Amino acid sequence: MILTAPPVTAPIRTFAALGALVLLAALSGCATTDSGAGSGASAAATAPAEADASASDCAGVNVVVDFGTLDADTVTNCVDATAAIAASAALTTTGITTEGSVEYGDAIVCRVNDRPAADETVVVDGQESFTETCASMPPAYAYWALWVKATPDADWDYAMEGLGTLEVEPGQSLGLVYTTGTETPTPGS
């Protein structure tokens, strides 16, 4: 699935939400919301403002997981890599986990590191609050998005392919952001 622009209208947001969630299907590993180092990774959790600074210090692949309105610390890790690696492997190395849905299985992801939790009410201004059951698609106004950054100084862009096929190279960054409302925040913003 290719996403060419951030969601703008309700039908496009629905499509973008599906696409963004499909991008996350191949994750596994141990759940952490702290900076704990994954196997083979050197890690340092940073506040969002520090995320870009640490990206320039990372000789491998910089991974940023921004929980947005879910009130959890942003996870920033540097994955040791000397050649291109699968995006899913980079996330697994940092201890990031995901959960799919009953209807779509691992084709979509409704949770990253168990967030939003099954008993957590998600509140988005101007929208109906809900509790994510992972039964089907999450609403278009609250979903996980996958981002890539070509170099530490580049802007974040939506990933153009899913985690199953996306490869990232040393010097690049990979980000997940819990996106709510009509804004499309970038990792660590």
Protein backbone atom coordinates (compact mmCIF):
# COMPACT_ATOMS: atom_id res chain seq x y z
CA MET A 1 0.00 0.00 0.00
CA ILE A 2 1.43 3.40 -0.95
CA LEU A 3 0.52 6.56 0.91
CA THR A 4 1.38 9.67 -1.06
CA ALA A 5 0.08 12.43 1.19
CA PRO A 6 -1.18 12.95 4.72
CA PRO A 7 -4.93 12.40 5.14
CA VAL A 8 -7.06 15.44 4.29
CA THR A 9 -10.72 14.40 4.08
CA ALA A 10 -12.73 11.72 5.85
CA PRO A 11 -12.59 9.14 3.00
CA ILE A 12 -8.89 9.80 2.47
CA ARG A 13 -8.23 9.58 6.24
CA THR A 14 -9.98 6.22 6.29
CA PHE A 15 -7.79 5.01 3.42
CA ALA A 16 -4.67 6.50 5.01
CA ALA A 17 -5.52 4.93 8.38
CA LEU A 18 -5.91 1.53 6.75
CA GLY A 19 -2.65 2.03 4.86
CA ALA A 20 -0.76 3.23 7.91
CA LEU A 21 -2.03 0.33 9.99
CA VAL A 22 -1.27 -2.23 7.28
CA LEU A 23 2.29 -0.91 7.30
CA LEU A 24 2.75 -2.12 10.86
CA ALA A 25 1.76 -5.78 10.49
CA ALA A 26 5.11 -7.55 10.84
CA LEU A 27 6.28 -6.54 14.32
CA SER A 28 7.21 -8.78 17.24
CA GLY A 29 9.46 -8.56 20.32
CA CYS A 30 9.29 -7.49 23.96
CA ALA A 31 7.12 -4.55 25.00
CA THR A 32 8.82 -1.51 26.45
CA THR A 33 7.85 2.10 26.80
CA ASP A 34 11.16 3.01 28.36
CA SER A 35 14.55 3.34 26.78
CA GLY A 36 15.70 -0.16 27.72
CA ALA A 37 18.19 -1.42 25.19
CA GLY A 38 16.98 -4.18 22.93
CA SER A 39 19.33 -6.97 21.96
CA GLY A 40 22.05 -5.57 19.75
CA ALA A 41 20.84 -1.99 20.20
CA SER A 42 22.30 0.93 22.02
CA ALA A 43 19.42 2.91 23.45
CA ALA A 44 18.64 6.28 24.92
CA ALA A 45 15.10 7.47 25.53
CA THR A 46 14.73 11.12 24.76
CA ALA A 47 12.10 13.76 25.04
CA PRO A 48 10.55 14.66 21.68
CA ALA A 49 12.73 17.76 21.33
CA GLU A 50 15.85 15.61 21.73
CA ALA A 51 14.83 12.95 19.19
CA ASP A 52 16.38 14.68 16.17
CA ALA A 53 19.62 15.40 18.06
CA SER A 54 20.10 11.72 18.86
CA ALA A 55 19.33 10.78 15.24
CA SER A 56 22.47 12.59 14.06
CA ASP A 57 24.52 10.63 16.63
CA CYS A 58 23.16 7.27 15.42
CA ALA A 59 25.48 5.48 13.00
CA GLY A 60 22.83 2.78 12.45
CA VAL A 61 19.05 3.16 12.13
CA ASN A 62 17.30 5.60 14.48
CA VAL A 63 13.90 4.32 15.70
CA VAL A 64 11.33 6.71 17.22
CA VAL A 65 7.97 5.61 18.64
CA ASP A 66 5.77 8.57 19.59
CA PHE A 67 2.66 7.63 21.55
CA GLY A 68 1.05 11.03 20.89
CA THR A 69 -2.03 11.53 23.06
CA LEU A 70 -1.62 8.10 24.69
CA ASP A 71 0.46 9.64 27.51
CA ALA A 72 3.51 7.38 27.30
CA ASP A 73 7.15 8.29 26.93
CA THR A 74 8.53 8.56 23.42
CA VAL A 75 10.90 5.67 22.70
CA THR A 76 14.07 6.53 20.79
CA ASN A 77 16.70 3.89 20.06
CA CYS A 78 19.64 3.49 17.73
CA VAL A 79 19.82 0.06 16.09
CA ASP A 80 23.31 -1.07 15.13
CA ALA A 81 23.33 -1.63 11.37
CA THR A 82 26.10 -1.58 8.80
CA ALA A 83 23.81 -2.40 5.85
CA ALA A 84 20.11 -2.16 5.00
CA ILE A 85 17.82 -4.04 7.40
CA ALA A 86 14.11 -4.81 7.42
CA ALA A 87 12.10 -2.11 9.20
CA SER A 88 10.32 -4.85 11.15
CA ALA A 89 13.69 -6.16 12.38
CA ALA A 90 14.73 -2.67 13.48
CA LEU A 91 11.54 -2.33 15.53
CA THR A 92 11.81 -5.83 16.98
CA THR A 93 15.40 -5.12 18.01
CA THR A 94 14.23 -2.10 20.00
CA GLY A 95 11.58 -4.18 21.82
CA ILE A 96 8.54 -2.74 20.05
CA THR A 97 5.45 -5.01 19.83
CA THR A 98 2.17 -4.68 17.94
CA GLU A 99 -1.24 -6.32 17.95
CA GLY A 100 -3.48 -6.84 14.92
CA SER A 101 -7.27 -7.08 14.83
CA VAL A 102 -9.69 -10.00 14.93
CA GLU A 103 -11.14 -9.14 11.51
CA TYR A 104 -7.91 -8.27 9.69
CA GLY A 105 -5.34 -10.22 11.72
CA ASP A 106 -1.83 -8.89 11.30
CA ALA A 107 -2.82 -6.96 8.16
CA ILE A 108 -3.43 -3.97 10.46
CA VAL A 109 -2.11 -2.93 13.84
CA CYS A 110 -4.28 -1.42 16.51
CA ARG A 111 -1.77 -1.44 19.39
CA VAL A 112 1.93 -0.72 19.77
CA ASN A 113 3.44 -1.89 23.06
CA ASP A 114 -0.11 -2.57 24.26
CA ARG A 115 -1.28 1.02 23.59
CA PRO A 116 -4.03 2.03 23.36
CA ALA A 117 -4.79 -0.53 26.06
CA ALA A 118 -7.92 -2.68 25.85
CA ASP A 119 -9.42 -0.83 28.84
CA GLU A 120 -8.22 2.67 27.83
CA THR A 121 -10.72 5.24 26.59
CA VAL A 122 -9.30 7.16 23.62
CA VAL A 123 -10.49 10.78 23.58
CA VAL A 124 -10.08 12.92 20.45
CA ASP A 125 -11.49 16.45 20.37
CA GLY A 126 -14.58 16.67 18.19
CA GLN A 127 -14.91 12.87 17.85
CA GLU A 128 -16.73 10.10 19.68
CA SER A 129 -14.57 8.60 22.45
CA PHE A 130 -13.96 4.87 22.16
CA THR A 131 -12.16 1.90 23.65
CA GLU A 132 -10.04 0.02 21.13
CA THR A 133 -11.23 -3.59 21.01
CA CYS A 134 -9.01 -4.66 18.10
CA ALA A 135 -12.08 -6.30 16.57
CA SER A 136 -11.80 -4.42 13.26
CA MET A 137 -10.36 -1.17 11.87
CA PRO A 138 -9.64 1.64 14.30
CA PRO A 139 -11.40 4.91 13.51
CA ALA A 140 -9.82 7.19 10.90
CA TYR A 141 -9.23 9.80 13.61
CA ALA A 142 -7.06 7.58 15.85
CA TYR A 143 -4.47 5.20 14.34
CA TRP A 144 -0.76 4.36 14.19
CA ALA A 145 1.21 5.85 11.25
CA LEU A 146 4.61 4.73 9.91
CA TRP A 147 7.19 7.36 8.92
CA VAL A 148 10.72 7.36 7.45
CA LYS A 149 13.47 9.96 7.36
CA ALA A 150 16.18 9.59 4.69
CA THR A 151 18.88 11.46 6.67
CA PRO A 152 19.10 13.07 10.10
CA ASP A 153 18.54 16.52 8.50
CA ALA A 154 15.66 15.45 6.21
CA ASP A 155 11.95 15.87 6.90
CA TRP A 156 9.84 12.90 7.96
CA ASP A 157 7.79 11.30 5.15
CA TYR A 158 5.04 8.68 5.28
CA ALA A 159 6.56 5.28 4.51
CA MET A 160 5.91 4.27 0.90
CA GLU A 161 5.66 0.57 1.73
CA GLY A 162 4.82 -1.67 4.65
CA LEU A 163 7.06 -3.14 7.31
CA GLY A 164 7.01 -6.49 5.52
CA THR A 165 9.02 -5.06 2.62
CA LEU A 166 10.42 -1.75 3.87
CA GLU A 167 14.16 -1.69 4.41
CA VAL A 168 16.03 1.07 6.21
CA GLU A 169 19.70 1.89 5.85
CA PRO A 170 22.28 3.21 8.29
CA GLY A 171 21.71 6.95 8.75
CA GLN A 172 17.96 6.69 8.19
CA SER A 173 15.20 6.95 10.79
CA LEU A 174 12.04 4.90 11.22
CA GLY A 175 9.12 6.28 13.20
CA LEU A 176 5.71 5.28 14.51
CA VAL A 177 3.25 7.94 15.67
CA TYR A 178 -0.17 7.53 17.23
CA THR A 179 -2.12 9.95 15.07
CA THR A 180 -5.35 11.53 16.32
CA GLY A 181 -7.75 14.08 14.89
CA THR A 182 -7.09 15.72 11.55
CA GLU A 183 -3.45 16.61 12.22
CA THR A 184 -0.68 14.30 11.03
CA PRO A 185 2.16 14.80 13.52
CA THR A 186 5.60 13.46 12.77
CA PRO A 187 7.57 11.33 15.23
CA GLY A 188 8.80 13.34 18.19
CA SER A 189 7.00 16.54 17.14
